[in-house]
Amino acid sequence: MNSGRQLLSSGVTALAPAIWGSTYLVTTEWLPPERPMLATTVRALPSGLILLLISRTLPNVRWLWRSLVLGTLNIGAFNVLLFVAAYRLPGGIAAMIMAVQPVIVLILAALVLGDRPRAAHVMACALGAAGVVLLVFKGPAALDPAGVAAALGGAACMATGITFTKRWGRPEGVGLIPFTGWQLTAGGLVALPFTLSIEGLPTSLTGTNLFGFAYLTSLGAVISYALWFRGIEKLPALAVSFLALGSPIVATVLGITFEHERLAALQVVGTVLILLAVVLAQPRQAPPRTTTAERLPAREDSAVHEPKAAVGRSGGAGS
């Protein structure tokens, strides 16, 4: 992929986490309180079924279980943890904690994809860990432990989902719409029994609640996940992970603008460390390698002519 196309793909992919950054504000302002599993189910299942009806394509046996794994990681478990964090933490802080997922991708990419980490990657891990510690434990008030654990768990789910989506790719002949629909449906079906057994269905919903669910289903799921999976397909895993920085940026701006959120001084330092970690983690273009054809003229006398001479002498001796 040339630099122009990669830049375009990066820009399009970055729209997904930018949309997801609004999830925190939507959750606290528009959705029924304390309903993370309901929010996940309503966000994922209708969206997935709509895409399946449009595409009329179902996974084969091999991709049935893969879709279940990816749907759980990318959609079901990730969204439940995201909504728990959104309910229990200020939006900007929750999103910033989840921004450490590129550091997790570095580790998983080395283990699963065979990508060798550089020294900058190790530095990114250290900065990211220090940033989370400052962000979580140095605020003016103690943060909710369950919310912090949910944010970190969501980051781990997203990182694992990115890695295995990159490893398995997309089955040949299957378009982006059905591929996205498989995962949204799987994630919604995984969350559905927990929603029914633990939270139950709400007795009533306001117009604001319905508008919030509609937003999450359309922009927050169908469109954003299609863009996200397209980006995973076209860009390196680490590059996609880096683009997730758009989510905490949008969440922080919206939190400061509409919720009057403020960060303590050490939390600002922690935020800067996390941002530096993500910047260090982004891929750098490797220097172009000299191809065999380019090297051949320089070695022409030694690598080509000498074997011919040897063959000639051998033939002469044999005759």
C-alpha atoms as a PDB file:
ATOM      1  CA  MET A   1       0.000   0.000   0.000  1.00  0.00           C
ATOM      2  CA  ASN A   2       1.444   3.371  -1.024  1.00  0.00           C
ATOM      3  CA  SER A   3       1.643   6.227   1.439  1.00  0.00           C
ATOM      4  CA  GLY A   4      -1.352   8.076  -0.011  1.00  0.00           C
ATOM      5  CA  ARG A   5      -3.674   5.091   0.242  1.00  0.00           C
ATOM      6  CA  GLN A   6      -2.388   4.221   3.704  1.00  0.00           C
ATOM      7  CA  LEU A   7      -3.045   7.785   4.868  1.00  0.00           C
ATOM      8  CA  LEU A   8      -6.577   7.622   3.459  1.00  0.00           C
ATOM      9  CA  SER A   9      -7.216   4.245   5.092  1.00  0.00           C
ATOM     10  CA  SER A  10      -5.883   5.569   8.395  1.00  0.00           C
ATOM     11  CA  GLY A  11      -8.155   8.612   8.223  1.00  0.00           C
ATOM     12  CA  VAL A  12     -11.238   6.529   7.436  1.00  0.00           C
ATOM     13  CA  THR A  13     -10.417   3.991  10.161  1.00  0.00           C
ATOM     14  CA  ALA A  14      -9.863   6.770  12.715  1.00  0.00           C
ATOM     15  CA  LEU A  15     -13.520   7.759  12.353  1.00  0.00           C
ATOM     16  CA  ALA A  16     -14.541   4.597  14.249  1.00  0.00           C
ATOM     17  CA  PRO A  17     -12.768   5.320  17.562  1.00  0.00           C
ATOM     18  CA  ALA A  18     -13.741   8.983  17.228  1.00  0.00           C
ATOM     19  CA  ILE A  19     -17.385   7.875  17.157  1.00  0.00           C
ATOM     20  CA  TRP A  20     -16.785   5.503  20.063  1.00  0.00           C
ATOM     21  CA  GLY A  21     -15.407   8.400  22.086  1.00  0.00           C
ATOM     22  CA  SER A  22     -18.939   9.799  22.256  1.00  0.00           C
ATOM     23  CA  THR A  23     -20.202   6.548  23.826  1.00  0.00           C
ATOM     24  CA  TYR A  24     -19.279   7.709  27.334  1.00  0.00           C
ATOM     25  CA  LEU A  25     -21.361  10.865  27.133  1.00  0.00           C
ATOM     26  CA  VAL A  26     -24.248   9.070  25.400  1.00  0.00           C
ATOM     27  CA  THR A  27     -24.226   6.407  28.135  1.00  0.00           C
ATOM     28  CA  THR A  28     -24.482   8.814  31.041  1.00  0.00           C
ATOM     29  CA  GLU A  29     -26.881  11.283  29.400  1.00  0.00           C
ATOM     30  CA  TRP A  30     -29.184   9.236  27.155  1.00  0.00           C
ATOM     31  CA  LEU A  31     -29.255   5.602  28.295  1.00  0.00           C
ATOM     32  CA  PRO A  32     -31.093   3.992  31.251  1.00  0.00           C
ATOM     33  CA  PRO A  33     -28.815   4.007  34.323  1.00  0.00           C
ATOM     34  CA  GLU A  34     -26.689   0.996  35.243  1.00  0.00           C
ATOM     35  CA  ARG A  35     -27.571  -1.147  32.226  1.00  0.00           C
ATOM     36  CA  PRO A  36     -24.231  -2.121  30.596  1.00  0.00           C
ATOM     37  CA  MET A  37     -25.424  -5.518  29.329  1.00  0.00           C
ATOM     38  CA  LEU A  38     -28.656  -4.109  27.927  1.00  0.00           C
ATOM     39  CA  ALA A  39     -26.685  -1.369  26.195  1.00  0.00           C
ATOM     40  CA  THR A  40     -24.346  -3.963  24.686  1.00  0.00           C
ATOM     41  CA  THR A  41     -27.167  -6.205  23.480  1.00  0.00           C
ATOM     42  CA  VAL A  42     -29.187  -3.379  21.946  1.00  0.00           C
ATOM     43  CA  ARG A  43     -26.080  -1.920  20.345  1.00  0.00           C
ATOM     44  CA  ALA A  44     -24.862  -5.165  18.778  1.00  0.00           C
ATOM     45  CA  LEU A  45     -27.674  -7.633  18.095  1.00  0.00           C
ATOM     46  CA  PRO A  46     -30.071  -5.521  15.971  1.00  0.00           C
ATOM     47  CA  SER A  47     -27.125  -4.121  14.013  1.00  0.00           C
ATOM     48  CA  GLY A  48     -25.753  -7.588  13.284  1.00  0.00           C
ATOM     49  CA  LEU A  49     -29.141  -8.974  12.242  1.00  0.00           C
ATOM     50  CA  ILE A  50     -29.701  -6.032   9.896  1.00  0.00           C
ATOM     51  CA  LEU A  51     -26.346  -6.642   8.205  1.00  0.00           C
ATOM     52  CA  LEU A  52     -27.069 -10.375   7.931  1.00  0.00           C
ATOM     53  CA  LEU A  53     -30.421  -9.647   6.265  1.00  0.00           C
ATOM     54  CA  ILE A  54     -28.720  -7.277   3.835  1.00  0.00           C
ATOM     55  CA  SER A  55     -25.875  -9.645   2.944  1.00  0.00           C
ATOM     56  CA  ARG A  56     -27.735 -12.988   3.241  1.00  0.00           C
ATOM     57  CA  THR A  57     -24.393 -14.647   3.979  1.00  0.00           C
ATOM     58  CA  LEU A  58     -23.752 -16.965   6.912  1.00  0.00           C
ATOM     59  CA  PRO A  59     -20.363 -18.270   8.119  1.00  0.00           C
ATOM     60  CA  ASN A  60     -19.297 -21.830   7.387  1.00  0.00           C
ATOM     61  CA  VAL A  61     -18.432 -24.251  10.199  1.00  0.00           C
ATOM     62  CA  ARG A  62     -14.843 -23.009  10.470  1.00  0.00           C
ATOM     63  CA  TRP A  63     -15.848 -19.377  10.621  1.00  0.00           C
ATOM     64  CA  LEU A  64     -18.770 -20.034  12.926  1.00  0.00           C
ATOM     65  CA  TRP A  65     -16.522 -20.520  15.939  1.00  0.00           C
ATOM     66  CA  ARG A  66     -14.085 -17.856  14.774  1.00  0.00           C
ATOM     67  CA  SER A  67     -16.934 -15.365  14.501  1.00  0.00           C
ATOM     68  CA  LEU A  68     -18.016 -16.327  18.013  1.00  0.00           C
ATOM     69  CA  VAL A  69     -14.502 -15.701  19.367  1.00  0.00           C
ATOM     70  CA  LEU A  70     -14.041 -12.414  17.501  1.00  0.00           C
ATOM     71  CA  GLY A  71     -17.592 -11.292  18.264  1.00  0.00           C
ATOM     72  CA  THR A  72     -17.036 -11.916  21.969  1.00  0.00           C
ATOM     73  CA  LEU A  73     -13.721 -10.061  22.034  1.00  0.00           C
ATOM     74  CA  ASN A  74     -14.511  -7.183  19.676  1.00  0.00           C
ATOM     75  CA  ILE A  75     -18.183  -6.716  20.524  1.00  0.00           C
ATOM     76  CA  GLY A  76     -19.736  -8.636  23.436  1.00  0.00           C
ATOM     77  CA  ALA A  77     -17.170  -8.590  26.235  1.00  0.00           C
ATOM     78  CA  PHE A  78     -15.572  -5.354  25.052  1.00  0.00           C
ATOM     79  CA  ASN A  79     -18.828  -3.399  25.045  1.00  0.00           C
ATOM     80  CA  VAL A  80     -20.012  -4.717  28.407  1.00  0.00           C
ATOM     81  CA  LEU A  81     -16.715  -3.616  29.966  1.00  0.00           C
ATOM     82  CA  LEU A  82     -16.818  -0.315  28.084  1.00  0.00           C
ATOM     83  CA  PHE A  83     -20.305   0.490  29.394  1.00  0.00           C
ATOM     84  CA  VAL A  84     -19.382  -0.528  32.957  1.00  0.00           C
ATOM     85  CA  ALA A  85     -16.430   1.867  32.765  1.00  0.00           C
ATOM     86  CA  ALA A  86     -18.642   4.577  31.248  1.00  0.00           C
ATOM     87  CA  TYR A  87     -21.184   4.266  34.083  1.00  0.00           C
ATOM     88  CA  ARG A  88     -18.586   4.252  36.875  1.00  0.00           C
ATOM     89  CA  LEU A  89     -15.838   6.642  35.675  1.00  0.00           C
ATOM     90  CA  PRO A  90     -15.639  10.096  34.122  1.00  0.00           C
ATOM     91  CA  GLY A  91     -15.694   9.605  30.358  1.00  0.00           C
ATOM     92  CA  GLY A  92     -12.303  11.146  29.649  1.00  0.00           C
ATOM     93  CA  ILE A  93     -10.526   9.078  32.310  1.00  0.00           C
ATOM     94  CA  ALA A  94     -12.254   5.836  31.270  1.00  0.00           C
ATOM     95  CA  ALA A  95     -11.280   6.374  27.635  1.00  0.00           C
ATOM     96  CA  MET A  96      -7.719   7.325  28.538  1.00  0.00           C
ATOM     97  CA  ILE A  97      -7.242   4.156  30.597  1.00  0.00           C
ATOM     98  CA  MET A  98      -8.502   2.113  27.656  1.00  0.00           C
ATOM     99  CA  ALA A  99      -6.020   3.929  25.427  1.00  0.00           C
ATOM    100  CA  VAL A 100      -3.253   1.686  26.764  1.00  0.00           C
ATOM    101  CA  GLN A 101      -4.509  -1.107  24.506  1.00  0.00           C
ATOM    102  CA  PRO A 102      -1.806  -0.376  21.843  1.00  0.00           C
ATOM    103  CA  VAL A 103       0.755  -1.435  24.453  1.00  0.00           C
ATOM    104  CA  ILE A 104      -1.107  -4.732  24.862  1.00  0.00           C
ATOM    105  CA  VAL A 105      -1.190  -5.133  21.080  1.00  0.00           C
ATOM    106  CA  LEU A 106       2.598  -4.820  21.019  1.00  0.00           C
ATOM    107  CA  ILE A 107       2.908  -7.837  23.277  1.00  0.00           C
ATOM    108  CA  LEU A 108       0.228  -9.898  21.544  1.00  0.00           C
ATOM    109  CA  ALA A 109       1.548  -9.058  18.074  1.00  0.00           C
ATOM    110  CA  ALA A 110       4.949 -10.397  19.087  1.00  0.00           C
ATOM    111  CA  LEU A 111       3.448 -13.597  20.499  1.00  0.00           C
ATOM    112  CA  VAL A 112       0.721 -14.262  17.934  1.00  0.00           C
ATOM    113  CA  LEU A 113       1.801 -12.503  14.738  1.00  0.00           C
ATOM    114  CA  GLY A 114       5.562 -12.782  15.151  1.00  0.00           C
ATOM    115  CA  ASP A 115       6.100  -9.005  15.021  1.00  0.00           C
ATOM    116  CA  ARG A 116       9.375  -8.268  16.778  1.00  0.00           C
ATOM    117  CA  PRO A 117       9.068  -5.298  19.190  1.00  0.00           C
ATOM    118  CA  ARG A 118      11.619  -2.503  19.021  1.00  0.00           C
ATOM    119  CA  ALA A 119      13.249  -0.629  21.883  1.00  0.00           C
ATOM    120  CA  ALA A 120      10.647   2.105  21.391  1.00  0.00           C
ATOM    121  CA  HIS A 121       7.949  -0.489  22.027  1.00  0.00           C
ATOM    122  CA  VAL A 122       9.462  -1.385  25.390  1.00  0.00           C
ATOM    123  CA  MET A 123       9.605   2.294  26.280  1.00  0.00           C
ATOM    124  CA  ALA A 124       5.952   2.658  25.256  1.00  0.00           C
ATOM    125  CA  CYS A 125       4.990  -0.170  27.623  1.00  0.00           C
ATOM    126  CA  ALA A 126       6.774   1.520  30.533  1.00  0.00           C
ATOM    127  CA  LEU A 127       5.276   4.946  29.808  1.00  0.00           C
ATOM    128  CA  GLY A 128       1.795   3.495  29.368  1.00  0.00           C
ATOM    129  CA  ALA A 129       1.945   1.623  32.674  1.00  0.00           C
ATOM    130  CA  ALA A 130       3.232   4.709  34.524  1.00  0.00           C
ATOM    131  CA  GLY A 131       0.559   6.865  32.924  1.00  0.00           C
ATOM    132  CA  VAL A 132      -2.240   4.563  34.020  1.00  0.00           C
ATOM    133  CA  VAL A 133      -0.905   4.508  37.600  1.00  0.00           C
ATOM    134  CA  LEU A 134      -0.835   8.318  37.764  1.00  0.00           C
ATOM    135  CA  LEU A 135      -4.195   8.656  36.073  1.00  0.00           C
ATOM    136  CA  VAL A 136      -5.934   6.173  38.339  1.00  0.00           C
ATOM    137  CA  PHE A 137      -4.374   6.712  41.762  1.00  0.00           C
ATOM    138  CA  LYS A 138      -3.411  10.383  41.876  1.00  0.00           C
ATOM    139  CA  GLY A 139      -6.721  12.144  41.373  1.00  0.00           C
ATOM    140  CA  PRO A 140      -8.465  14.402  43.888  1.00  0.00           C
ATOM    141  CA  ALA A 141     -10.889  11.551  44.639  1.00  0.00           C
ATOM    142  CA  ALA A 142     -10.433   7.793  44.498  1.00  0.00           C
ATOM    143  CA  LEU A 143     -11.732   6.241  41.301  1.00  0.00           C
ATOM    144  CA  ASP A 144     -14.172   3.360  41.366  1.00  0.00           C
ATOM    145  CA  PRO A 145     -12.083   0.122  41.357  1.00  0.00           C
ATOM    146  CA  ALA A 146     -14.695  -1.781  39.343  1.00  0.00           C
ATOM    147  CA  GLY A 147     -14.686   0.970  36.724  1.00  0.00           C
ATOM    148  CA  VAL A 148     -10.904   0.933  36.485  1.00  0.00           C
ATOM    149  CA  ALA A 149     -10.851  -2.865  36.187  1.00  0.00           C
ATOM    150  CA  ALA A 150     -13.542  -2.707  33.483  1.00  0.00           C
ATOM    151  CA  ALA A 151     -11.585  -0.111  31.491  1.00  0.00           C
ATOM    152  CA  LEU A 152      -8.403  -2.202  31.629  1.00  0.00           C
ATOM    153  CA  GLY A 153     -10.364  -5.337  30.751  1.00  0.00           C
ATOM    154  CA  GLY A 154     -11.947  -3.559  27.801  1.00  0.00           C
ATOM    155  CA  ALA A 155      -8.506  -2.514  26.578  1.00  0.00           C
ATOM    156  CA  ALA A 156      -7.325  -6.138  26.795  1.00  0.00           C
ATOM    157  CA  CYS A 157     -10.392  -7.357  24.881  1.00  0.00           C
ATOM    158  CA  MET A 158      -9.912  -4.801  22.120  1.00  0.00           C
ATOM    159  CA  ALA A 159      -6.199  -5.593  21.832  1.00  0.00           C
ATOM    160  CA  THR A 160      -6.851  -9.334  21.632  1.00  0.00           C
ATOM    161  CA  GLY A 161      -9.637  -8.814  19.119  1.00  0.00           C
ATOM    162  CA  ILE A 162      -7.424  -6.666  16.876  1.00  0.00           C
ATOM    163  CA  THR A 163      -4.644  -9.239  16.993  1.00  0.00           C
ATOM    164  CA  PHE A 164      -6.763 -12.254  16.109  1.00  0.00           C
ATOM    165  CA  THR A 165      -8.788 -10.364  13.506  1.00  0.00           C
ATOM    166  CA  LYS A 166      -5.475  -9.531  11.851  1.00  0.00           C
ATOM    167  CA  ARG A 167      -4.238 -13.113  12.178  1.00  0.00           C
ATOM    168  CA  TRP A 168      -7.339 -14.773  10.727  1.00  0.00           C
ATOM    169  CA  GLY A 169      -8.198 -12.075   8.213  1.00  0.00           C
ATOM    170  CA  ARG A 170     -11.476 -12.219   6.320  1.00  0.00           C
ATOM    171  CA  PRO A 171     -12.603 -15.374   4.504  1.00  0.00           C
ATOM    172  CA  GLU A 172     -12.141 -15.276   0.739  1.00  0.00           C
ATOM    173  CA  GLY A 173     -15.204 -14.133  -1.147  1.00  0.00           C
ATOM    174  CA  VAL A 174     -16.907 -12.671   1.939  1.00  0.00           C
ATOM    175  CA  GLY A 175     -17.583  -8.943   1.927  1.00  0.00           C
ATOM    176  CA  LEU A 176     -17.066  -6.468   4.730  1.00  0.00           C
ATOM    177  CA  ILE A 177     -20.802  -6.171   5.492  1.00  0.00           C
ATOM    178  CA  PRO A 178     -21.416  -9.861   6.279  1.00  0.00           C
ATOM    179  CA  PHE A 179     -18.090 -10.126   8.106  1.00  0.00           C
ATOM    180  CA  THR A 180     -19.120  -7.222  10.340  1.00  0.00           C
ATOM    181  CA  GLY A 181     -22.607  -8.684  10.718  1.00  0.00           C
ATOM    182  CA  TRP A 182     -21.247 -12.035  11.912  1.00  0.00           C
ATOM    183  CA  GLN A 183     -19.315 -10.423  14.725  1.00  0.00           C
ATOM    184  CA  LEU A 184     -22.050  -8.007  15.793  1.00  0.00           C
ATOM    185  CA  THR A 185     -24.588 -10.833  15.882  1.00  0.00           C
ATOM    186  CA  ALA A 186     -22.242 -13.132  17.801  1.00  0.00           C
ATOM    187  CA  GLY A 187     -21.407 -10.407  20.320  1.00  0.00           C
ATOM    188  CA  GLY A 188     -25.070  -9.570  20.819  1.00  0.00           C
ATOM    189  CA  LEU A 189     -26.051 -13.223  21.277  1.00  0.00           C
ATOM    190  CA  VAL A 190     -23.282 -13.681  23.852  1.00  0.00           C
ATOM    191  CA  ALA A 191     -24.572 -10.692  25.845  1.00  0.00           C
ATOM    192  CA  LEU A 192     -28.281 -11.509  25.498  1.00  0.00           C
ATOM    193  CA  PRO A 193     -28.609 -14.292  28.139  1.00  0.00           C
ATOM    194  CA  PHE A 194     -26.676 -12.217  30.680  1.00  0.00           C
ATOM    195  CA  THR A 195     -28.934  -9.262  29.968  1.00  0.00           C
ATOM    196  CA  LEU A 196     -32.078 -11.313  30.513  1.00  0.00           C
ATOM    197  CA  SER A 197     -30.845 -13.184  33.589  1.00  0.00           C
ATOM    198  CA  ILE A 198     -28.957 -10.427  35.417  1.00  0.00           C
ATOM    199  CA  GLU A 199     -30.434  -7.072  34.408  1.00  0.00           C
ATOM    200  CA  GLY A 200     -33.751  -7.993  32.873  1.00  0.00           C
ATOM    201  CA  LEU A 201     -35.648  -5.805  30.437  1.00  0.00           C
ATOM    202  CA  PRO A 202     -36.612  -2.269  31.453  1.00  0.00           C
ATOM    203  CA  THR A 203     -40.261  -1.660  32.228  1.00  0.00           C
ATOM    204  CA  SER A 204     -40.221   1.632  30.329  1.00  0.00           C
ATOM    205  CA  LEU A 205     -37.968   3.681  28.081  1.00  0.00           C
ATOM    206  CA  THR A 206     -38.008   7.422  27.466  1.00  0.00           C
ATOM    207  CA  GLY A 207     -37.664   9.090  24.110  1.00  0.00           C
ATOM    208  CA  THR A 208     -34.129  10.062  25.092  1.00  0.00           C
ATOM    209  CA  ASN A 209     -33.301   6.422  25.851  1.00  0.00           C
ATOM    210  CA  LEU A 210     -34.611   5.326  22.443  1.00  0.00           C
ATOM    211  CA  PHE A 211     -32.621   8.046  20.707  1.00  0.00           C
ATOM    212  CA  GLY A 212     -29.470   6.960  22.545  1.00  0.00           C
ATOM    213  CA  PHE A 213     -29.962   3.315  21.566  1.00  0.00           C
ATOM    214  CA  ALA A 214     -30.634   4.327  17.954  1.00  0.00           C
ATOM    215  CA  TYR A 215     -27.400   6.324  17.906  1.00  0.00           C
ATOM    216  CA  LEU A 216     -25.398   3.402  19.300  1.00  0.00           C
ATOM    217  CA  THR A 217     -26.957   0.968  16.830  1.00  0.00           C
ATOM    218  CA  SER A 218     -26.386   3.057  13.710  1.00  0.00           C
ATOM    219  CA  LEU A 219     -23.288   5.235  14.052  1.00  0.00           C
ATOM    220  CA  GLY A 220     -21.916   3.402  17.085  1.00  0.00           C
ATOM    221  CA  ALA A 221     -22.127  -0.088  15.612  1.00  0.00           C
ATOM    222  CA  VAL A 222     -23.056  -0.633  11.946  1.00  0.00           C
ATOM    223  CA  ILE A 223     -20.976   2.199  10.494  1.00  0.00           C
ATOM    224  CA  SER A 224     -18.136   2.385  13.008  1.00  0.00           C
ATOM    225  CA  TYR A 225     -17.425  -1.353  13.186  1.00  0.00           C
ATOM    226  CA  ALA A 226     -17.477  -1.697   9.389  1.00  0.00           C
ATOM    227  CA  LEU A 227     -14.856   1.072   9.188  1.00  0.00           C
ATOM    228  CA  TRP A 228     -12.868  -0.526  12.018  1.00  0.00           C
ATOM    229  CA  PHE A 229     -12.711  -4.025  10.503  1.00  0.00           C
ATOM    230  CA  ARG A 230     -11.832  -2.521   7.126  1.00  0.00           C
ATOM    231  CA  GLY A 231      -8.920  -0.738   8.779  1.00  0.00           C
ATOM    232  CA  ILE A 232      -7.710  -3.900  10.512  1.00  0.00           C
ATOM    233  CA  GLU A 233      -7.700  -5.610   7.127  1.00  0.00           C
ATOM    234  CA  LYS A 234      -5.762  -2.897   5.310  1.00  0.00           C
ATOM    235  CA  LEU A 235      -3.370  -1.589   7.994  1.00  0.00           C
ATOM    236  CA  PRO A 236      -0.838  -3.190  10.367  1.00  0.00           C
ATOM    237  CA  ALA A 237      -2.322  -4.254  13.695  1.00  0.00           C
ATOM    238  CA  LEU A 238      -0.226  -1.709  15.561  1.00  0.00           C
ATOM    239  CA  ALA A 239      -1.280   1.107  13.235  1.00  0.00           C
ATOM    240  CA  VAL A 240      -4.953   0.345  13.839  1.00  0.00           C
ATOM    241  CA  SER A 241      -4.349   0.165  17.576  1.00  0.00           C
ATOM    242  CA  PHE A 242      -2.667   3.578  17.477  1.00  0.00           C
ATOM    243  CA  LEU A 243      -5.707   5.087  15.754  1.00  0.00           C
ATOM    244  CA  ALA A 244      -7.801   4.142  18.786  1.00  0.00           C
ATOM    245  CA  LEU A 245      -6.302   7.259  20.409  1.00  0.00           C
ATOM    246  CA  GLY A 246      -9.147   9.170  18.786  1.00  0.00           C
ATOM    247  CA  SER A 247     -11.567   7.723  21.336  1.00  0.00           C
ATOM    248  CA  PRO A 248     -10.025   9.243  24.509  1.00  0.00           C
ATOM    249  CA  ILE A 249      -9.424  12.535  22.745  1.00  0.00           C
ATOM    250  CA  VAL A 250     -13.090  12.861  21.766  1.00  0.00           C
ATOM    251  CA  ALA A 251     -14.271  11.557  25.155  1.00  0.00           C
ATOM    252  CA  THR A 252     -12.064  14.016  27.036  1.00  0.00           C
ATOM    253  CA  VAL A 253     -13.181  16.986  24.921  1.00  0.00           C
ATOM    254  CA  LEU A 254     -16.844  16.050  25.335  1.00  0.00           C
ATOM    255  CA  GLY A 255     -16.392  15.472  29.088  1.00  0.00           C
ATOM    256  CA  ILE A 256     -14.778  18.849  29.606  1.00  0.00           C
ATOM    257  CA  THR A 257     -17.329  20.606  27.373  1.00  0.00           C
ATOM    258  CA  PHE A 258     -20.575  19.043  28.593  1.00  0.00           C
ATOM    259  CA  GLU A 259     -19.789  17.414  31.949  1.00  0.00           C
ATOM    260  CA  HIS A 260     -17.328  20.037  33.270  1.00  0.00           C
ATOM    261  CA  GLU A 261     -14.777  17.308  34.024  1.00  0.00           C
ATOM    262  CA  ARG A 262     -11.375  18.375  35.280  1.00  0.00           C
ATOM    263  CA  LEU A 263      -8.099  16.507  35.629  1.00  0.00           C
ATOM    264  CA  ALA A 264      -5.719  16.891  38.587  1.00  0.00           C
ATOM    265  CA  ALA A 265      -2.132  17.911  37.782  1.00  0.00           C
ATOM    266  CA  LEU A 266      -0.699  14.410  38.148  1.00  0.00           C
ATOM    267  CA  GLN A 267      -3.559  13.014  36.097  1.00  0.00           C
ATOM    268  CA  VAL A 268      -2.588  15.427  33.324  1.00  0.00           C
ATOM    269  CA  VAL A 269       0.962  14.059  33.573  1.00  0.00           C
ATOM    270  CA  GLY A 270      -0.422  10.527  33.385  1.00  0.00           C
ATOM    271  CA  THR A 271      -2.461  11.456  30.323  1.00  0.00           C
ATOM    272  CA  VAL A 272       0.626  12.888  28.617  1.00  0.00           C
ATOM    273  CA  LEU A 273       2.579   9.707  29.387  1.00  0.00           C
ATOM    274  CA  ILE A 274      -0.141   7.565  27.856  1.00  0.00           C
ATOM    275  CA  LEU A 275      -0.199   9.747  24.748  1.00  0.00           C
ATOM    276  CA  LEU A 276       3.592   9.495  24.460  1.00  0.00           C
ATOM    277  CA  ALA A 277       3.330   5.720  24.822  1.00  0.00           C
ATOM    278  CA  VAL A 278       0.831   5.503  21.994  1.00  0.00           C
ATOM    279  CA  VAL A 279       2.941   7.768  19.765  1.00  0.00           C
ATOM    280  CA  LEU A 280       6.025   5.634  20.419  1.00  0.00           C
ATOM    281  CA  ALA A 281       4.016   2.534  19.577  1.00  0.00           C
ATOM    282  CA  GLN A 282       3.026   3.693  16.111  1.00  0.00           C
ATOM    283  CA  PRO A 283       4.749   1.891  13.228  1.00  0.00           C
ATOM    284  CA  ARG A 284       7.604   3.544  11.434  1.00  0.00           C
ATOM    285  CA  GLN A 285       8.222   2.953   7.771  1.00  0.00           C
ATOM    286  CA  ALA A 286      11.108   0.553   7.322  1.00  0.00           C
ATOM    287  CA  PRO A 287      13.895   1.558   4.925  1.00  0.00           C
ATOM    288  CA  PRO A 288      13.408   0.062   1.464  1.00  0.00           C
ATOM    289  CA  ARG A 289      15.163  -3.246   0.969  1.00  0.00           C
ATOM    290  CA  THR A 290      17.360  -3.850  -2.014  1.00  0.00           C
ATOM    291  CA  THR A 291      15.797  -6.523  -4.174  1.00  0.00           C
ATOM    292  CA  THR A 292      17.648  -9.451  -5.679  1.00  0.00           C
ATOM    293  CA  ALA A 293      17.301  -7.930  -9.118  1.00  0.00           C
ATOM    294  CA  GLU A 294      18.873  -4.699  -7.905  1.00  0.00           C
ATOM    295  CA  ARG A 295      21.773  -6.555  -6.315  1.00  0.00           C
ATOM    296  CA  LEU A 296      22.422  -8.795  -9.323  1.00  0.00           C
ATOM    297  CA  PRO A 297      24.430  -6.386 -11.562  1.00  0.00           C
ATOM    298  CA  ALA A 298      26.896  -5.673  -8.747  1.00  0.00           C
ATOM    299  CA  ARG A 299      27.543  -9.393  -8.292  1.00  0.00           C
ATOM    300  CA  GLU A 300      27.465 -10.277 -11.952  1.00  0.00           C
ATOM    301  CA  ASP A 301      31.138 -11.231 -12.312  1.00  0.00           C
ATOM    302  CA  SER A 302      31.411 -13.254  -9.120  1.00  0.00           C
ATOM    303  CA  ALA A 303      27.924 -14.734  -8.801  1.00  0.00           C
ATOM    304  CA  VAL A 304      27.091 -15.455 -12.437  1.00  0.00           C
ATOM    305  CA  HIS A 305      30.256 -15.781 -14.511  1.00  0.00           C
ATOM    306  CA  GLU A 306      32.280 -17.887 -12.085  1.00  0.00           C
ATOM    307  CA  PRO A 307      29.769 -20.782 -11.979  1.00  0.00           C
ATOM    308  CA  LYS A 308      29.659 -20.736 -15.785  1.00  0.00           C
ATOM    309  CA  ALA A 309      33.439 -20.965 -15.923  1.00  0.00           C
ATOM    310  CA  ALA A 310      33.383 -23.883 -13.531  1.00  0.00           C
ATOM    311  CA  VAL A 311      30.845 -25.680 -15.687  1.00  0.00           C
ATOM    312  CA  GLY A 312      32.961 -25.097 -18.728  1.00  0.00           C
ATOM    313  CA  ARG A 313      36.066 -26.537 -17.086  1.00  0.00           C
ATOM    314  CA  SER A 314      34.118 -29.497 -15.885  1.00  0.00           C
ATOM    315  CA  GLY A 315      32.804 -30.187 -19.364  1.00  0.00           C
ATOM    316  CA  GLY A 316      36.302 -29.907 -20.815  1.00  0.00           C
ATOM    317  CA  ALA A 317      37.767 -32.355 -18.368  1.00  0.00           C
ATOM    318  CA  GLY A 318      34.950 -34.787 -18.990  1.00  0.00           C
ATOM    319  CA  SER A 319      35.405 -34.749 -22.784  1.00  0.00           C
END
